[in-house]
C-alpha atoms as a PDB file:
ATOM      1  CA  MET A   1      54.144   4.068   9.200  1.00  0.00           C
ATOM      2  CA  GLU A   2      53.853   5.372   5.488  1.00  0.00           C
ATOM      3  CA  ILE A   3      57.051   3.351   4.595  1.00  0.00           C
ATOM      4  CA  GLU A   4      55.263   0.156   5.973  1.00  0.00           C
ATOM      5  CA  ASP A   5      52.086   0.956   4.124  1.00  0.00           C
ATOM      6  CA  GLY A   6      54.094   1.427   1.017  1.00  0.00           C
ATOM      7  CA  CYS A   7      55.870  -1.851   1.347  1.00  0.00           C
ATOM      8  CA  THR A   8      52.807  -3.706   2.200  1.00  0.00           C
ATOM      9  CA  LEU A   9      51.147  -2.219  -0.806  1.00  0.00           C
ATOM     10  CA  TYR A  10      54.148  -3.123  -3.233  1.00  0.00           C
ATOM     11  CA  LYS A  11      53.904  -6.637  -1.792  1.00  0.00           C
ATOM     12  CA  SER A  12      50.163  -6.712  -2.490  1.00  0.00           C
ATOM     13  CA  LYS A  13      50.624  -5.452  -5.904  1.00  0.00           C
ATOM     14  CA  GLU A  14      53.469  -8.097  -6.524  1.00  0.00           C
ATOM     15  CA  LYS A  15      51.483 -10.904  -5.210  1.00  0.00           C
ATOM     16  CA  ILE A  16      48.439  -9.839  -7.534  1.00  0.00           C
ATOM     17  CA  PHE A  17      50.617  -9.747 -10.394  1.00  0.00           C
ATOM     18  CA  HIS A  18      52.161 -13.120  -9.706  1.00  0.00           C
ATOM     19  CA  THR A  19      48.790 -14.644  -9.375  1.00  0.00           C
ATOM     20  CA  PHE A  20      47.472 -13.044 -12.598  1.00  0.00           C
ATOM     21  CA  SER A  21      50.579 -14.171 -14.383  1.00  0.00           C
ATOM     22  CA  ASP A  22      49.922 -17.824 -13.071  1.00  0.00           C
ATOM     23  CA  PHE A  23      46.438 -17.663 -14.015  1.00  0.00           C
ATOM     24  CA  MET A  24      47.201 -16.484 -17.601  1.00  0.00           C
ATOM     25  CA  LEU A  25      49.906 -19.195 -17.984  1.00  0.00           C
ATOM     26  CA  ARG A  26      47.384 -21.956 -17.114  1.00  0.00           C
ATOM     27  CA  ILE A  27      44.704 -20.474 -19.481  1.00  0.00           C
ATOM     28  CA  THR A  28      47.426 -20.657 -22.188  1.00  0.00           C
ATOM     29  CA  LYS A  29      48.276 -24.262 -21.439  1.00  0.00           C
ATOM     30  CA  PHE A  30      44.648 -25.099 -21.483  1.00  0.00           C
ATOM     31  CA  ASP A  31      44.165 -23.584 -24.856  1.00  0.00           C
ATOM     32  CA  GLU A  32      46.959 -25.522 -26.001  1.00  0.00           C
ATOM     33  CA  LEU A  33      45.597 -28.760 -24.805  1.00  0.00           C
ATOM     34  CA  VAL A  34      42.271 -27.874 -26.399  1.00  0.00           C
ATOM     35  CA  GLU A  35      43.902 -27.538 -29.786  1.00  0.00           C
ATOM     36  CA  VAL A  36      45.836 -30.997 -29.319  1.00  0.00           C
ATOM     37  CA  GLY A  37      42.805 -32.702 -28.114  1.00  0.00           C
ATOM     38  CA  SER A  38      40.753 -31.495 -31.174  1.00  0.00           C
ATOM     39  CA  ARG A  39      43.272 -32.594 -33.577  1.00  0.00           C
ATOM     40  CA  LEU A  40      43.442 -36.059 -32.048  1.00  0.00           C
ATOM     41  CA  LEU A  41      39.655 -36.431 -31.987  1.00  0.00           C
ATOM     42  CA  VAL A  42      39.419 -35.372 -35.666  1.00  0.00           C
ATOM     43  CA  GLY A  43      42.076 -38.058 -36.261  1.00  0.00           C
ATOM     44  CA  PHE A  44      40.010 -40.562 -34.458  1.00  0.00           C
ATOM     45  CA  GLN A  45      36.887 -39.734 -36.114  1.00  0.00           C
ATOM     46  CA  GLN A  46      38.543 -40.187 -39.551  1.00  0.00           C
ATOM     47  CA  GLY A  47      39.898 -43.430 -38.691  1.00  0.00           C
ATOM     48  CA  LEU A  48      36.346 -44.585 -37.482  1.00  0.00           C
ATOM     49  CA  GLU A  49      34.927 -43.437 -40.636  1.00  0.00           C
ATOM     50  CA  TYR A  50      37.549 -45.307 -42.513  1.00  0.00           C
ATOM     51  CA  LEU A  51      36.605 -48.512 -40.547  1.00  0.00           C
ATOM     52  CA  ARG A  52      33.080 -47.749 -41.098  1.00  0.00           C
ATOM     53  CA  ARG A  53      33.323 -47.134 -44.833  1.00  0.00           C
ATOM     54  CA  GLN A  54      31.150 -49.951 -46.925  1.00  0.00           C
ATOM     55  CA  PRO A  55      32.995 -51.665 -49.633  1.00  0.00           C
ATOM     56  CA  ILE A  56      31.946 -51.136 -53.204  1.00  0.00           C
ATOM     57  CA  GLU A  57      28.878 -53.441 -54.236  1.00  0.00           C
ATOM     58  CA  LYS A  58      30.099 -55.248 -57.202  1.00  0.00           C
ATOM     59  CA  ASN A  59      26.847 -57.200 -57.624  1.00  0.00           C
ATOM     60  CA  SER A  60      25.258 -54.106 -59.423  1.00  0.00           C
ATOM     61  CA  GLU A  61      25.462 -54.351 -63.245  1.00  0.00           C
ATOM     62  CA  LEU A  62      26.296 -50.668 -63.487  1.00  0.00           C
ATOM     63  CA  VAL A  63      29.113 -50.784 -60.931  1.00  0.00           C
ATOM     64  CA  GLU A  64      30.367 -54.013 -62.685  1.00  0.00           C
ATOM     65  CA  ARG A  65      30.313 -52.234 -66.114  1.00  0.00           C
ATOM     66  CA  ILE A  66      32.021 -49.097 -64.759  1.00  0.00           C
ATOM     67  CA  ILE A  67      34.859 -51.268 -63.351  1.00  0.00           C
ATOM     68  CA  ARG A  68      35.290 -53.330 -66.385  1.00  0.00           C
ATOM     69  CA  ASP A  69      35.364 -50.292 -68.843  1.00  0.00           C
ATOM     70  CA  ASN A  70      38.034 -48.787 -66.647  1.00  0.00           C
ATOM     71  CA  GLU A  71      40.016 -51.552 -65.662  1.00  0.00           C
ATOM     72  CA  SER A  72      43.741 -50.959 -64.918  1.00  0.00           C
ATOM     73  CA  LYS A  73      46.535 -52.563 -62.919  1.00  0.00           C
ATOM     74  CA  ARG A  74      45.973 -50.025 -60.103  1.00  0.00           C
ATOM     75  CA  LEU A  75      42.081 -50.555 -59.947  1.00  0.00           C
ATOM     76  CA  SER A  76      42.488 -54.520 -60.099  1.00  0.00           C
ATOM     77  CA  SER A  77      44.863 -54.432 -57.108  1.00  0.00           C
ATOM     78  CA  TYR A  78      42.372 -52.105 -55.259  1.00  0.00           C
ATOM     79  CA  ILE A  79      39.707 -54.723 -55.964  1.00  0.00           C
ATOM     80  CA  GLU A  80      42.043 -57.659 -54.822  1.00  0.00           C
ATOM     81  CA  ALA A  81      42.908 -56.092 -51.734  1.00  0.00           C
ATOM     82  CA  GLY A  82      39.248 -55.769 -50.788  1.00  0.00           C
ATOM     83  CA  TYR A  83      38.787 -51.956 -51.746  1.00  0.00           C
ATOM     84  CA  LEU A  84      41.178 -50.923 -49.384  1.00  0.00           C
ATOM     85  CA  ASN A  85      44.049 -48.382 -50.135  1.00  0.00           C
ATOM     86  CA  ALA A  86      47.236 -49.468 -48.710  1.00  0.00           C
ATOM     87  CA  HIS A  87      48.155 -45.669 -47.961  1.00  0.00           C
ATOM     88  CA  ASP A  88      44.967 -45.252 -45.942  1.00  0.00           C
ATOM     89  CA  SER A  89      45.725 -48.201 -43.695  1.00  0.00           C
ATOM     90  CA  VAL A  90      49.459 -47.165 -43.010  1.00  0.00           C
ATOM     91  CA  HIS A  91      48.361 -43.656 -42.453  1.00  0.00           C
ATOM     92  CA  ASN A  92      45.576 -44.720 -39.780  1.00  0.00           C
ATOM     93  CA  MET A  93      48.101 -47.163 -37.946  1.00  0.00           C
ATOM     94  CA  SER A  94      50.807 -44.240 -37.804  1.00  0.00           C
ATOM     95  CA  LYS A  95      48.380 -42.257 -35.711  1.00  0.00           C
END
């Protein structure tokens, strides 16, 4: 009788250990999914902010003077591209 009780107790402990291990494994997977989801959400929000960004208003006299005084080939190509940085576009599309 004692052997049966010992065997049953051992099986119960083993079942509890297996259930707890399975539970902890699922918690770990869930934590990893939360991290990945968070990174994807941040990237999505950055993409939305990029699309929402207003172009520089060139009709302001101050802005026009700043652009004229600091004009370079790089700034000229930026203005011609519609105030969009090519690197930002490529970076957003690769996500």
